[in-house]
N, C-alpha and C. Protein backbone atom coordinates (compact mmCIF):
# COMPACT_ATOMS: atom_id res chain seq x y z
N MET A 1 13.79 22.53 2.45
CA MET A 1 13.58 21.22 1.88
C MET A 1 13.39 21.41 0.37
N ASP A 2 14.16 20.65 -0.39
CA ASP A 2 14.05 20.82 -1.84
C ASP A 2 12.97 19.85 -2.44
N GLY A 3 12.73 19.97 -3.71
CA GLY A 3 11.66 19.25 -4.38
C GLY A 3 11.69 17.73 -4.20
N ILE A 4 12.91 17.17 -4.28
CA ILE A 4 13.01 15.75 -4.21
C ILE A 4 12.75 15.29 -2.79
N GLU A 5 13.21 16.02 -1.82
CA GLU A 5 12.93 15.64 -0.38
C GLU A 5 11.40 15.66 -0.14
N LEU A 6 10.72 16.59 -0.67
CA LEU A 6 9.29 16.76 -0.51
C LEU A 6 8.61 15.51 -1.18
N ASP A 7 9.09 15.14 -2.33
CA ASP A 7 8.51 13.94 -3.02
C ASP A 7 8.81 12.73 -2.21
N ILE A 8 9.96 12.58 -1.62
CA ILE A 8 10.30 11.48 -0.82
C ILE A 8 9.36 11.39 0.40
N PHE A 9 9.14 12.51 1.01
CA PHE A 9 8.25 12.46 2.22
C PHE A 9 6.84 12.11 1.79
N LYS A 10 6.36 12.59 0.66
CA LYS A 10 5.07 12.27 0.09
C LYS A 10 4.97 10.72 -0.15
N LEU A 11 6.07 10.17 -0.71
CA LEU A 11 6.11 8.77 -0.95
C LEU A 11 6.02 7.95 0.33
N ILE A 12 6.68 8.37 1.37
CA ILE A 12 6.59 7.72 2.68
C ILE A 12 5.23 7.83 3.24
N ALA A 13 4.64 9.03 3.17
CA ALA A 13 3.28 9.24 3.73
C ALA A 13 2.25 8.48 2.98
N SER A 14 2.30 8.53 1.69
CA SER A 14 1.26 7.78 0.88
C SER A 14 1.42 6.25 1.11
N SER A 15 2.63 5.77 1.21
CA SER A 15 2.87 4.33 1.51
C SER A 15 2.31 3.98 2.86
N GLY A 16 2.59 4.80 3.88
CA GLY A 16 2.09 4.56 5.17
C GLY A 16 0.55 4.57 5.25
N ASP A 17 -0.01 5.48 4.56
CA ASP A 17 -1.52 5.59 4.50
C ASP A 17 -2.06 4.35 3.83
N SER A 18 -1.42 3.87 2.82
CA SER A 18 -1.85 2.64 2.09
C SER A 18 -1.79 1.41 3.01
N ARG A 19 -0.63 1.29 3.66
CA ARG A 19 -0.47 0.16 4.61
C ARG A 19 -1.48 0.22 5.70
N GLY A 20 -1.73 1.38 6.24
CA GLY A 20 -2.69 1.47 7.34
C GLY A 20 -4.10 1.11 6.87
N ALA A 21 -4.52 1.48 5.74
CA ALA A 21 -5.80 1.15 5.19
C ALA A 21 -5.91 -0.38 4.94
N ALA A 22 -4.85 -0.94 4.49
CA ALA A 22 -4.78 -2.38 4.24
C ALA A 22 -4.96 -3.18 5.55
N PHE A 23 -4.30 -2.76 6.58
CA PHE A 23 -4.40 -3.45 7.84
C PHE A 23 -5.78 -3.23 8.50
N GLU A 24 -6.34 -2.03 8.25
CA GLU A 24 -7.67 -1.82 8.73
C GLU A 24 -8.63 -2.73 7.97
N ALA A 25 -8.41 -2.95 6.68
CA ALA A 25 -9.25 -3.90 5.90
C ALA A 25 -9.23 -5.28 6.51
N LEU A 26 -7.98 -5.67 6.94
CA LEU A 26 -7.87 -6.99 7.57
C LEU A 26 -8.64 -7.10 8.89
N ARG A 27 -8.56 -6.02 9.68
CA ARG A 27 -9.24 -6.00 11.01
C ARG A 27 -10.74 -6.12 10.67
N LEU A 28 -11.26 -5.42 9.72
CA LEU A 28 -12.65 -5.50 9.36
C LEU A 28 -13.08 -6.87 8.88
N ALA A 29 -12.21 -7.49 8.13
CA ALA A 29 -12.49 -8.85 7.63
C ALA A 29 -12.55 -9.85 8.73
N ARG A 30 -11.66 -9.67 9.76
CA ARG A 30 -11.66 -10.60 10.87
C ARG A 30 -13.01 -10.50 11.70
N LYS A 31 -13.61 -9.37 11.54
CA LYS A 31 -15.02 -9.20 12.18
C LYS A 31 -16.10 -9.53 11.24
N GLN A 32 -15.68 -10.18 10.11
CA GLN A 32 -16.62 -10.56 9.04
C GLN A 32 -17.35 -9.39 8.39
N GLN A 33 -16.75 -8.30 8.37
CA GLN A 33 -17.35 -7.06 7.75
C GLN A 33 -16.68 -6.96 6.37
N PHE A 34 -17.01 -7.89 5.44
CA PHE A 34 -16.29 -8.05 4.24
C PHE A 34 -16.51 -6.92 3.26
N SER A 35 -17.65 -6.36 3.25
CA SER A 35 -17.96 -5.18 2.37
C SER A 35 -17.17 -3.98 2.78
N ALA A 36 -17.09 -3.70 4.06
CA ALA A 36 -16.27 -2.63 4.52
C ALA A 36 -14.76 -2.90 4.31
N ALA A 37 -14.38 -4.13 4.49
CA ALA A 37 -12.99 -4.50 4.25
C ALA A 37 -12.58 -4.25 2.79
N LYS A 38 -13.47 -4.59 1.86
CA LYS A 38 -13.19 -4.38 0.46
C LYS A 38 -13.08 -2.89 0.13
N GLU A 39 -13.90 -2.10 0.77
CA GLU A 39 -13.80 -0.65 0.60
C GLU A 39 -12.45 -0.13 1.11
N LYS A 40 -12.02 -0.64 2.25
CA LYS A 40 -10.69 -0.22 2.78
C LYS A 40 -9.57 -0.70 1.86
N LEU A 41 -9.71 -1.88 1.31
CA LEU A 41 -8.73 -2.36 0.38
C LEU A 41 -8.62 -1.47 -0.88
N THR A 42 -9.78 -0.99 -1.36
CA THR A 42 -9.88 -0.05 -2.49
C THR A 42 -9.08 1.20 -2.06
N GLU A 43 -9.36 1.72 -0.87
CA GLU A 43 -8.69 2.91 -0.41
C GLU A 43 -7.12 2.65 -0.33
N ALA A 44 -6.77 1.50 0.18
CA ALA A 44 -5.35 1.15 0.25
C ALA A 44 -4.71 1.17 -1.11
N LYS A 45 -5.41 0.67 -2.13
CA LYS A 45 -4.90 0.61 -3.49
C LYS A 45 -4.73 1.99 -4.03
N GLU A 46 -5.69 2.84 -3.82
CA GLU A 46 -5.66 4.21 -4.29
C GLU A 46 -4.55 5.02 -3.68
N LYS A 47 -4.30 4.84 -2.40
CA LYS A 47 -3.17 5.48 -1.76
C LYS A 47 -1.82 4.87 -2.22
N GLY A 48 -1.83 3.60 -2.46
CA GLY A 48 -0.61 2.95 -2.99
C GLY A 48 -0.32 3.44 -4.39
N ASN A 49 -1.37 3.72 -5.16
CA ASN A 49 -1.18 4.20 -6.57
C ASN A 49 -0.55 5.58 -6.46
N ALA A 50 -0.99 6.43 -5.55
CA ALA A 50 -0.44 7.75 -5.35
C ALA A 50 1.07 7.62 -5.05
N ALA A 51 1.44 6.70 -4.22
CA ALA A 51 2.85 6.50 -3.88
C ALA A 51 3.61 6.05 -5.09
N HIS A 52 3.00 5.16 -5.85
CA HIS A 52 3.65 4.58 -7.06
C HIS A 52 3.87 5.70 -8.11
N GLU A 53 2.91 6.67 -8.18
CA GLU A 53 3.06 7.79 -9.19
C GLU A 53 4.26 8.61 -8.77
N ILE A 54 4.46 8.84 -7.48
CA ILE A 54 5.61 9.63 -7.05
C ILE A 54 6.91 8.90 -7.39
N GLN A 55 6.89 7.58 -7.13
CA GLN A 55 8.15 6.76 -7.43
C GLN A 55 8.42 6.87 -8.98
N THR A 56 7.37 6.73 -9.68
CA THR A 56 7.50 6.79 -11.14
C THR A 56 8.05 8.17 -11.61
N LYS A 57 7.56 9.17 -11.04
CA LYS A 57 8.07 10.54 -11.35
C LYS A 57 9.60 10.68 -10.99
N LEU A 58 9.99 10.12 -9.91
CA LEU A 58 11.43 10.21 -9.50
C LEU A 58 12.26 9.31 -10.46
N ILE A 59 11.77 8.18 -10.84
CA ILE A 59 12.55 7.30 -11.75
C ILE A 59 12.64 7.96 -13.11
N THR A 60 11.53 8.48 -13.57
CA THR A 60 11.52 9.12 -14.89
C THR A 60 12.47 10.33 -14.96
N ALA A 61 12.52 11.12 -13.90
CA ALA A 61 13.45 12.26 -13.83
C ALA A 61 14.87 11.79 -13.94
N GLU A 62 15.13 10.69 -13.27
CA GLU A 62 16.50 10.15 -13.30
C GLU A 62 16.88 9.60 -14.73
N THR A 63 15.94 8.97 -15.33
CA THR A 63 16.21 8.42 -16.68
C THR A 63 16.38 9.51 -17.73
N GLN A 64 15.86 10.71 -17.33
CA GLN A 64 15.99 11.85 -18.26
C GLN A 64 17.16 12.68 -17.92
N GLY A 65 18.06 12.14 -17.08
CA GLY A 65 19.35 12.80 -16.83
C GLY A 65 19.39 13.59 -15.50
N GLU A 66 18.30 13.72 -14.82
CA GLU A 66 18.29 14.43 -13.50
C GLU A 66 18.87 13.49 -12.48
N LYS A 67 20.12 13.67 -12.08
CA LYS A 67 20.75 12.79 -11.18
C LYS A 67 20.60 13.30 -9.68
N ASN A 68 20.18 12.45 -8.85
CA ASN A 68 20.02 12.79 -7.49
C ASN A 68 20.82 11.80 -6.65
N GLU A 69 21.36 12.28 -5.53
CA GLU A 69 22.13 11.46 -4.65
C GLU A 69 21.19 10.42 -3.99
N VAL A 70 21.60 9.22 -3.92
CA VAL A 70 20.83 8.20 -3.25
C VAL A 70 21.07 8.43 -1.73
N SER A 71 19.99 8.83 -1.04
CA SER A 71 20.05 9.16 0.34
C SER A 71 19.35 8.03 1.17
N LEU A 72 19.72 8.04 2.45
CA LEU A 72 19.06 7.12 3.32
C LEU A 72 17.61 7.29 3.35
N LEU A 73 17.18 8.59 3.23
CA LEU A 73 15.75 8.91 3.19
C LEU A 73 15.09 8.26 1.98
N MET A 74 15.72 8.27 0.82
CA MET A 74 15.18 7.63 -0.41
C MET A 74 15.08 6.11 -0.21
N VAL A 75 16.15 5.54 0.38
CA VAL A 75 16.11 4.08 0.61
C VAL A 75 14.93 3.75 1.56
N HIS A 76 14.79 4.59 2.56
CA HIS A 76 13.67 4.37 3.52
C HIS A 76 12.36 4.45 2.82
N ALA A 77 12.18 5.41 1.92
CA ALA A 77 10.91 5.54 1.22
C ALA A 77 10.64 4.39 0.31
N GLN A 78 11.66 3.86 -0.40
CA GLN A 78 11.50 2.70 -1.22
C GLN A 78 11.15 1.54 -0.41
N ASP A 79 11.78 1.39 0.74
CA ASP A 79 11.49 0.23 1.65
C ASP A 79 10.04 0.31 2.08
N HIS A 80 9.58 1.49 2.45
CA HIS A 80 8.22 1.63 2.86
C HIS A 80 7.25 1.21 1.75
N LEU A 81 7.55 1.68 0.54
CA LEU A 81 6.64 1.32 -0.59
C LEU A 81 6.67 -0.17 -0.86
N MET A 82 7.77 -0.75 -0.88
CA MET A 82 7.82 -2.21 -1.22
C MET A 82 7.15 -3.05 -0.16
N THR A 83 7.40 -2.76 1.10
CA THR A 83 6.75 -3.52 2.16
C THR A 83 5.26 -3.28 2.19
N THR A 84 4.89 -2.08 1.84
CA THR A 84 3.44 -1.79 1.79
C THR A 84 2.74 -2.59 0.69
N LEU A 85 3.43 -2.64 -0.53
CA LEU A 85 2.83 -3.43 -1.62
C LEU A 85 2.74 -4.90 -1.27
N LEU A 86 3.75 -5.40 -0.63
CA LEU A 86 3.73 -6.83 -0.24
C LEU A 86 2.64 -7.09 0.78
N ALA A 87 2.58 -6.23 1.82
CA ALA A 87 1.54 -6.40 2.84
C ALA A 87 0.19 -6.30 2.25
N ARG A 88 -0.08 -5.38 1.36
CA ARG A 88 -1.39 -5.13 0.72
C ARG A 88 -1.80 -6.40 -0.03
N ASP A 89 -0.84 -6.95 -0.81
CA ASP A 89 -1.13 -8.13 -1.56
C ASP A 89 -1.49 -9.36 -0.67
N LEU A 90 -0.69 -9.54 0.37
CA LEU A 90 -0.94 -10.62 1.28
C LEU A 90 -2.25 -10.50 2.01
N ILE A 91 -2.52 -9.23 2.40
CA ILE A 91 -3.81 -8.95 3.13
C ILE A 91 -4.99 -9.25 2.22
N GLU A 92 -4.85 -8.83 0.93
CA GLU A 92 -5.97 -9.18 0.00
C GLU A 92 -6.19 -10.60 -0.13
N GLU A 93 -5.14 -11.35 -0.10
CA GLU A 93 -5.31 -12.91 -0.20
C GLU A 93 -5.92 -13.41 1.15
N MET A 94 -5.51 -12.86 2.29
CA MET A 94 -5.99 -13.32 3.54
C MET A 94 -7.45 -13.06 3.66
N ILE A 95 -7.91 -11.89 3.16
CA ILE A 95 -9.33 -11.53 3.28
C ILE A 95 -10.13 -12.50 2.40
N GLY A 96 -9.54 -12.85 1.22
CA GLY A 96 -10.22 -13.82 0.38
C GLY A 96 -10.38 -15.14 1.07
N MET A 97 -9.28 -15.57 1.79
CA MET A 97 -9.36 -16.86 2.54
C MET A 97 -10.38 -16.77 3.65
N LEU A 98 -10.45 -15.64 4.34
CA LEU A 98 -11.42 -15.53 5.37
C LEU A 98 -12.90 -15.60 4.85
N GLU A 99 -13.03 -15.00 3.65
CA GLU A 99 -14.35 -15.09 3.01
C GLU A 99 -14.73 -16.50 2.62
N GLU A 100 -13.72 -17.19 2.09
CA GLU A 100 -14.03 -18.64 1.73
C GLU A 100 -14.31 -19.50 2.96
N LEU A 101 -13.54 -19.24 4.01
CA LEU A 101 -13.84 -19.99 5.25
C LEU A 101 -15.23 -19.77 5.78
N ARG A 102 -15.65 -18.49 5.72
CA ARG A 102 -16.97 -18.14 6.15
C ARG A 102 -18.02 -18.81 5.29
N THR A 103 -17.84 -18.81 3.96
CA THR A 103 -18.76 -19.38 3.06
C THR A 103 -18.82 -20.88 3.24
N LYS A 104 -17.72 -21.50 3.43
CA LYS A 104 -17.60 -22.96 3.70
C LYS A 104 -18.33 -23.28 5.00
N GLY A 105 -18.12 -22.48 6.01
CA GLY A 105 -18.78 -22.65 7.30
C GLY A 105 -20.25 -22.56 7.17
N ASP A 106 -20.73 -21.57 6.37
CA ASP A 106 -22.19 -21.35 6.14
C ASP A 106 -22.78 -22.56 5.40
N ASP A 107 -21.99 -23.13 4.53
CA ASP A 107 -22.50 -24.27 3.71
C ASP A 107 -22.62 -25.51 4.57
N GLU A 108 -21.84 -25.61 5.58
CA GLU A 108 -21.84 -26.83 6.45
C GLU A 108 -22.98 -26.77 7.52
N LYS A 109 -23.59 -25.60 7.58
CA LYS A 109 -24.64 -25.48 8.65
C LYS A 109 -25.95 -26.15 8.21
């Protein structure tokens, strides 16, 4: 396995870890464990940042003349990252909505 393939696998793994932490945050929020959910969201963002750093490294190398073949594996890695970022952003909004609903429900009591 060459360096770029290793980076691609790291990108996939970091993206998957980020997505997993984001969905765990949503599960915690559904149980009204908002503090723990926010911690998981922070973890998801950190893991997502690690994936983004790898992506930036690959893009920077290409802009500096290092040409790599676009492989199905690279497309898969990019797909993982983009769907993870979208899921994480949506989950963050959903958790905010759940918190607002809880607060509104508490106010009505």
